[in-house]
């Protein structure tokens, strides 16, 4: 395997991450699932911010005319 290629490094990093996840999951499962509700709460403002548009309650008219 040629370690100078980018594909080889990516494959090695992905393999190491999968092995680490397999070894850490049983020991830290309770911590992971305990923090999961907070991850959803943290994601809500991010989704609102990055949703785009930011209409702030205004509904644009289909033809773009203002009253």
PDB file of N, CA and C in Angstrom:
ATOM      1  N   UNK A   1       0.846  -1.173   0.000  1.00  0.00           N
ATOM      2  CA  UNK A   1       0.000   0.000   0.000  1.00  0.00           C
ATOM      3  C   UNK A   1       0.891   1.236   0.000  1.00  0.00           C
ATOM      4  N   UNK A   2       0.600   2.146  -0.897  1.00  0.00           N
ATOM      5  CA  UNK A   2       1.363   3.371  -1.034  1.00  0.00           C
ATOM      6  C   UNK A   2       0.813   4.403  -0.055  1.00  0.00           C
ATOM      7  N   UNK A   3       1.573   4.720   1.006  1.00  0.00           N
ATOM      8  CA  UNK A   3       1.104   5.643   2.031  1.00  0.00           C
ATOM      9  C   UNK A   3       1.206   7.099   1.611  1.00  0.00           C
ATOM     10  N   UNK A   4       1.711   7.347   0.429  1.00  0.00           N
ATOM     11  CA  UNK A   4       1.783   8.732  -0.026  1.00  0.00           C
ATOM     12  C   UNK A   4       0.481   9.171  -0.698  1.00  0.00           C
ATOM     13  N   UNK A   5      -0.390   8.230  -1.002  1.00  0.00           N
ATOM     14  CA  UNK A   5      -1.635   8.618  -1.652  1.00  0.00           C
ATOM     15  C   UNK A   5      -2.654   9.067  -0.607  1.00  0.00           C
ATOM     16  N   UNK A   6      -3.488  10.001  -1.014  1.00  0.00           N
ATOM     17  CA  UNK A   6      -4.501  10.549  -0.115  1.00  0.00           C
ATOM     18  C   UNK A   6      -5.548   9.494   0.230  1.00  0.00           C
ATOM     19  N   UNK A   7      -5.866   8.648  -0.717  1.00  0.00           N
ATOM     20  CA  UNK A   7      -6.879   7.608  -0.486  1.00  0.00           C
ATOM     21  C   UNK A   7      -6.436   6.641   0.605  1.00  0.00           C
ATOM     22  N   UNK A   8      -5.175   6.312   0.663  1.00  0.00           N
ATOM     23  CA  UNK A   8      -4.671   5.400   1.687  1.00  0.00           C
ATOM     24  C   UNK A   8      -4.792   6.030   3.067  1.00  0.00           C
ATOM     25  N   UNK A   9      -4.498   7.317   3.189  1.00  0.00           N
ATOM     26  CA  UNK A   9      -4.618   7.992   4.477  1.00  0.00           C
ATOM     27  C   UNK A   9      -6.071   8.084   4.920  1.00  0.00           C
ATOM     28  N   UNK A  10      -6.958   8.370   3.994  1.00  0.00           N
ATOM     29  CA  UNK A  10      -8.382   8.440   4.331  1.00  0.00           C
ATOM     30  C   UNK A  10      -8.874   7.071   4.791  1.00  0.00           C
ATOM     31  N   UNK A  11      -8.487   6.030   4.098  1.00  0.00           N
ATOM     32  CA  UNK A  11      -8.881   4.677   4.478  1.00  0.00           C
ATOM     33  C   UNK A  11      -8.328   4.316   5.855  1.00  0.00           C
ATOM     34  N   UNK A  12      -7.096   4.686   6.135  1.00  0.00           N
ATOM     35  CA  UNK A  12      -6.503   4.400   7.441  1.00  0.00           C
ATOM     36  C   UNK A  12      -7.220   5.171   8.552  1.00  0.00           C
ATOM     37  N   UNK A  13      -7.552   6.432   8.320  1.00  0.00           N
ATOM     38  CA  UNK A  13      -8.257   7.224   9.331  1.00  0.00           C
ATOM     39  C   UNK A  13      -9.673   6.720   9.574  1.00  0.00           C
ATOM     40  N   UNK A  14     -10.373   6.350   8.521  1.00  0.00           N
ATOM     41  CA  UNK A  14     -11.726   5.819   8.674  1.00  0.00           C
ATOM     42  C   UNK A  14     -11.683   4.486   9.422  1.00  0.00           C
ATOM     43  N   UNK A  15     -10.709   3.643   9.105  1.00  0.00           N
ATOM     44  CA  UNK A  15     -10.574   2.367   9.804  1.00  0.00           C
ATOM     45  C   UNK A  15     -10.278   2.576  11.282  1.00  0.00           C
ATOM     46  N   UNK A  16      -9.377   3.496  11.605  1.00  0.00           N
ATOM     47  CA  UNK A  16      -9.049   3.773  13.003  1.00  0.00           C
ATOM     48  C   UNK A  16     -10.251   4.340  13.744  1.00  0.00           C
ATOM     49  N   UNK A  17     -11.037   5.205  13.087  1.00  0.00           N
ATOM     50  CA  UNK A  17     -12.224   5.772  13.724  1.00  0.00           C
ATOM     51  C   UNK A  17     -13.271   4.695  13.991  1.00  0.00           C
ATOM     52  N   UNK A  18     -13.456   3.771  13.059  1.00  0.00           N
ATOM     53  CA  UNK A  18     -14.411   2.687  13.271  1.00  0.00           C
ATOM     54  C   UNK A  18     -13.978   1.764  14.402  1.00  0.00           C
ATOM     55  N   UNK A  19     -12.715   1.458  14.487  1.00  0.00           N
ATOM     56  CA  UNK A  19     -12.213   0.613  15.572  1.00  0.00           C
ATOM     57  C   UNK A  19     -12.366   1.318  16.912  1.00  0.00           C
ATOM     58  N   UNK A  20     -12.038   2.612  16.967  1.00  0.00           N
ATOM     59  CA  UNK A  20     -12.182   3.369  18.210  1.00  0.00           C
ATOM     60  C   UNK A  20     -13.647   3.447  18.634  1.00  0.00           C
ATOM     61  N   UNK A  21     -14.547   3.663  17.677  1.00  0.00           N
ATOM     62  CA  UNK A  21     -15.974   3.721  17.993  1.00  0.00           C
ATOM     63  C   UNK A  21     -16.459   2.376  18.516  1.00  0.00           C
ATOM     64  N   UNK A  22     -15.989   1.284  17.930  1.00  0.00           N
ATOM     65  CA  UNK A  22     -16.382  -0.048  18.377  1.00  0.00           C
ATOM     66  C   UNK A  22     -15.902  -0.322  19.802  1.00  0.00           C
ATOM     67  N   UNK A  23     -14.726   0.158  20.148  1.00  0.00           N
ATOM     68  CA  UNK A  23     -14.188  -0.093  21.479  1.00  0.00           C
ATOM     69  C   UNK A  23     -14.761   0.846  22.538  1.00  0.00           C
ATOM     70  N   UNK A  24     -15.058   2.086  22.169  1.00  0.00           N
ATOM     71  CA  UNK A  24     -15.561   3.050  23.140  1.00  0.00           C
ATOM     72  C   UNK A  24     -17.069   2.957  23.359  1.00  0.00           C
ATOM     73  N   UNK A  25     -17.815   2.453  22.408  1.00  0.00           N
ATOM     74  CA  UNK A  25     -19.267   2.457  22.519  1.00  0.00           C
ATOM     75  C   UNK A  25     -19.798   1.712  23.746  1.00  0.00           C
ATOM     76  N   UNK A  26     -19.369   0.493  24.026  1.00  0.00           N
ATOM     77  CA  UNK A  26     -19.943  -0.199  25.196  1.00  0.00           C
ATOM     78  C   UNK A  26     -19.677   0.512  26.520  1.00  0.00           C
ATOM     79  N   UNK A  27     -18.532   1.131  26.653  1.00  0.00           N
ATOM     80  CA  UNK A  27     -18.189   1.790  27.914  1.00  0.00           C
ATOM     81  C   UNK A  27     -18.875   3.135  28.089  1.00  0.00           C
ATOM     82  N   UNK A  28     -19.145   3.826  27.012  1.00  0.00           N
ATOM     83  CA  UNK A  28     -19.660   5.188  27.091  1.00  0.00           C
ATOM     84  C   UNK A  28     -21.084   5.324  26.547  1.00  0.00           C
ATOM     85  N   UNK A  29     -21.776   4.215  26.416  1.00  0.00           N
ATOM     86  CA  UNK A  29     -23.133   4.223  25.877  1.00  0.00           C
ATOM     87  C   UNK A  29     -24.071   5.059  26.744  1.00  0.00           C
ATOM     88  N   UNK A  30     -23.977   4.946  28.058  1.00  0.00           N
ATOM     89  CA  UNK A  30     -24.858   5.704  28.953  1.00  0.00           C
ATOM     90  C   UNK A  30     -24.607   7.206  28.824  1.00  0.00           C
ATOM     91  N   UNK A  31     -23.364   7.607  28.696  1.00  0.00           N
ATOM     92  CA  UNK A  31     -23.050   9.026  28.532  1.00  0.00           C
ATOM     93  C   UNK A  31     -23.579   9.548  27.199  1.00  0.00           C
ATOM     94  N   UNK A  32     -23.433   8.739  26.153  1.00  0.00           N
ATOM     95  CA  UNK A  32     -23.876   9.154  24.822  1.00  0.00           C
ATOM     96  C   UNK A  32     -25.380   9.369  24.794  1.00  0.00           C
ATOM     97  N   UNK A  33     -26.134   8.404  25.314  1.00  0.00           N
ATOM     98  CA  UNK A  33     -27.591   8.531  25.290  1.00  0.00           C
ATOM     99  C   UNK A  33     -28.081   9.547  26.306  1.00  0.00           C
ATOM    100  N   UNK A  34     -27.304   9.817  27.345  1.00  0.00           N
ATOM    101  CA  UNK A  34     -27.670  10.844  28.305  1.00  0.00           C
ATOM    102  C   UNK A  34     -27.528  12.247  27.740  1.00  0.00           C
ATOM    103  N   UNK A  35     -26.615  12.434  26.821  1.00  0.00           N
ATOM    104  CA  UNK A  35     -26.395  13.745  26.206  1.00  0.00           C
ATOM    105  C   UNK A  35     -27.214  13.955  24.939  1.00  0.00           C
ATOM    106  N   UNK A  36     -27.868  12.917  24.465  1.00  0.00           N
ATOM    107  CA  UNK A  36     -28.619  13.017  23.219  1.00  0.00           C
ATOM    108  C   UNK A  36     -29.731  14.061  23.252  1.00  0.00           C
ATOM    109  N   UNK A  37     -30.526  14.186  24.332  1.00  0.00           N
ATOM    110  CA  UNK A  37     -31.548  15.254  24.333  1.00  0.00           C
ATOM    111  C   UNK A  37     -30.946  16.652  24.241  1.00  0.00           C
ATOM    112  N   UNK A  38     -29.792  16.857  24.846  1.00  0.00           N
ATOM    113  CA  UNK A  38     -29.135  18.159  24.759  1.00  0.00           C
ATOM    114  C   UNK A  38     -28.613  18.424  23.350  1.00  0.00           C
ATOM    115  N   UNK A  39     -28.243  17.384  22.638  1.00  0.00           N
ATOM    116  CA  UNK A  39     -27.806  17.551  21.248  1.00  0.00           C
ATOM    117  C   UNK A  39     -28.964  18.036  20.381  1.00  0.00           C
ATOM    118  N   UNK A  40     -30.176  17.516  20.629  1.00  0.00           N
ATOM    119  CA  UNK A  40     -31.339  17.992  19.889  1.00  0.00           C
ATOM    120  C   UNK A  40     -31.641  19.446  20.229  1.00  0.00           C
ATOM    121  N   UNK A  41     -31.529  19.795  21.513  1.00  0.00           N
ATOM    122  CA  UNK A  41     -31.780  21.179  21.906  1.00  0.00           C
ATOM    123  C   UNK A  41     -30.752  22.130  21.299  1.00  0.00           C
ATOM    124  N   UNK A  42     -29.516  21.687  21.186  1.00  0.00           N
ATOM    125  CA  UNK A  42     -28.470  22.501  20.580  1.00  0.00           C
ATOM    126  C   UNK A  42     -28.680  22.626  19.073  1.00  0.00           C
ATOM    127  N   UNK A  43     -29.246  21.585  18.459  1.00  0.00           N
ATOM    128  CA  UNK A  43     -29.441  21.595  17.012  1.00  0.00           C
ATOM    129  C   UNK A  43     -30.581  22.518  16.596  1.00  0.00           C
ATOM    130  N   UNK A  44     -31.564  22.731  17.472  1.00  0.00           N
ATOM    131  CA  UNK A  44     -32.721  23.558  17.102  1.00  0.00           C
ATOM    132  C   UNK A  44     -32.326  24.985  16.705  1.00  0.00           C
ATOM    133  N   UNK A  45     -31.559  25.724  17.526  1.00  0.00           N
ATOM    134  CA  UNK A  45     -31.175  27.072  17.091  1.00  0.00           C
ATOM    135  C   UNK A  45     -30.301  27.062  15.834  1.00  0.00           C
ATOM    136  N   UNK A  46     -29.464  26.044  15.709  1.00  0.00           N
ATOM    137  CA  UNK A  46     -28.628  25.970  14.513  1.00  0.00           C
ATOM    138  C   UNK A  46     -29.479  25.762  13.265  1.00  0.00           C
ATOM    139  N   UNK A  47     -30.502  24.919  13.368  1.00  0.00           N
ATOM    140  CA  UNK A  47     -31.374  24.698  12.221  1.00  0.00           C
ATOM    141  C   UNK A  47     -32.145  25.959  11.868  1.00  0.00           C
ATOM    142  N   UNK A  48     -32.590  26.684  12.866  1.00  0.00           N
ATOM    143  CA  UNK A  48     -33.310  27.923  12.588  1.00  0.00           C
ATOM    144  C   UNK A  48     -32.377  28.969  11.959  1.00  0.00           C
ATOM    145  N   UNK A  49     -31.144  29.020  12.430  1.00  0.00           N
ATOM    146  CA  UNK A  49     -30.205  30.012  11.913  1.00  0.00           C
ATOM    147  C   UNK A  49     -29.768  29.688  10.486  1.00  0.00           C
ATOM    148  N   UNK A  50     -29.479  28.416  10.226  1.00  0.00           N
ATOM    149  CA  UNK A  50     -28.973  28.028   8.919  1.00  0.00           C
ATOM    150  C   UNK A  50     -30.075  27.624   7.948  1.00  0.00           C
ATOM    151  N   UNK A  51     -31.338  27.743   8.347  1.00  0.00           N
ATOM    152  CA  UNK A  51     -32.438  27.350   7.470  1.00  0.00           C
ATOM    153  C   UNK A  51     -32.482  28.220   6.227  1.00  0.00           C
ATOM    154  N   UNK A  52     -32.159  29.468   6.384  1.00  0.00           N
ATOM    155  CA  UNK A  52     -32.154  30.363   5.231  1.00  0.00           C
ATOM    156  C   UNK A  52     -33.479  31.073   5.081  1.00  0.00           C
ATOM    157  N   UNK A  53     -33.455  32.153   4.357  1.00  0.00           N
ATOM    158  CA  UNK A  53     -34.676  32.904   4.132  1.00  0.00           C
ATOM    159  C   UNK A  53     -34.912  33.923   5.215  1.00  0.00           C
ATOM    160  N   UNK A  54     -35.074  33.498   6.439  1.00  0.00           N
ATOM    161  CA  UNK A  54     -35.336  34.372   7.589  1.00  0.00           C
ATOM    162  C   UNK A  54     -36.474  35.333   7.279  1.00  0.00           C
ATOM    163  N   UNK A  55     -37.639  34.772   7.020  1.00  0.00           N
ATOM    164  CA  UNK A  55     -38.790  35.581   6.635  1.00  0.00           C
ATOM    165  C   UNK A  55     -39.390  36.334   7.810  1.00  0.00           C
ATOM    166  N   UNK A  56     -39.105  35.926   9.027  1.00  0.00           N
ATOM    167  CA  UNK A  56     -39.597  36.592  10.239  1.00  0.00           C
ATOM    168  C   UNK A  56     -41.114  36.721  10.223  1.00  0.00           C
ATOM    169  N   UNK A  57     -41.815  35.686   9.803  1.00  0.00           N
ATOM    170  CA  UNK A  57     -43.268  35.679   9.851  1.00  0.00           C
ATOM    171  C   UNK A  57     -43.941  36.280   8.642  1.00  0.00           C
ATOM    172  N   UNK A  58     -43.209  36.843   7.725  1.00  0.00           N
ATOM    173  CA  UNK A  58     -43.816  37.431   6.528  1.00  0.00           C
ATOM    174  C   UNK A  58     -43.987  36.344   5.472  1.00  0.00           C
ATOM    175  N   UNK A  59     -45.127  36.327   4.854  1.00  0.00           N
ATOM    176  CA  UNK A  59     -45.362  35.406   3.756  1.00  0.00           C
ATOM    177  C   UNK A  59     -45.235  36.174   2.455  1.00  0.00           C
ATOM    178  N   UNK A  60     -44.235  35.861   1.656  1.00  0.00           N
ATOM    179  CA  UNK A  60     -44.082  36.597   0.394  1.00  0.00           C
ATOM    180  C   UNK A  60     -45.208  36.248  -0.571  1.00  0.00           C
ATOM    181  N   UNK A  61     -45.626  37.222  -1.335  1.00  0.00           N
ATOM    182  CA  UNK A  61     -46.669  36.997  -2.329  1.00  0.00           C
ATOM    183  C   UNK A  61     -46.058  36.281  -3.519  1.00  0.00           C
ATOM    184  N   UNK A  62     -46.851  35.458  -4.185  1.00  0.00           N
ATOM    185  CA  UNK A  62     -46.298  34.670  -5.293  1.00  0.00           C
ATOM    186  C   UNK A  62     -45.718  35.512  -6.423  1.00  0.00           C
ATOM    187  N   UNK A  63     -46.325  36.659  -6.721  1.00  0.00           N
ATOM    188  CA  UNK A  63     -45.826  37.461  -7.828  1.00  0.00           C
ATOM    189  C   UNK A  63     -44.815  38.512  -7.380  1.00  0.00           C
ATOM    190  N   UNK A  64     -44.515  38.575  -6.093  1.00  0.00           N
ATOM    191  CA  UNK A  64     -43.517  39.500  -5.597  1.00  0.00           C
ATOM    192  C   UNK A  64     -43.984  40.908  -5.386  1.00  0.00           C
ATOM    193  N   UNK A  65     -45.286  41.191  -5.580  1.00  0.00           N
ATOM    194  CA  UNK A  65     -45.817  42.543  -5.387  1.00  0.00           C
ATOM    195  C   UNK A  65     -46.035  42.828  -3.905  1.00  0.00           C
ATOM    196  N   UNK A  66     -45.837  44.090  -3.553  1.00  0.00           N
ATOM    197  CA  UNK A  66     -46.139  44.527  -2.196  1.00  0.00           C
ATOM    198  C   UNK A  66     -47.471  45.243  -2.195  1.00  0.00           C
ATOM    199  N   UNK A  67     -48.213  45.159  -1.091  1.00  0.00           N
ATOM    200  CA  UNK A  67     -49.505  45.850  -1.042  1.00  0.00           C
ATOM    201  C   UNK A  67     -49.371  47.359  -1.023  1.00  0.00           C
TER     202      UNK A  67
END
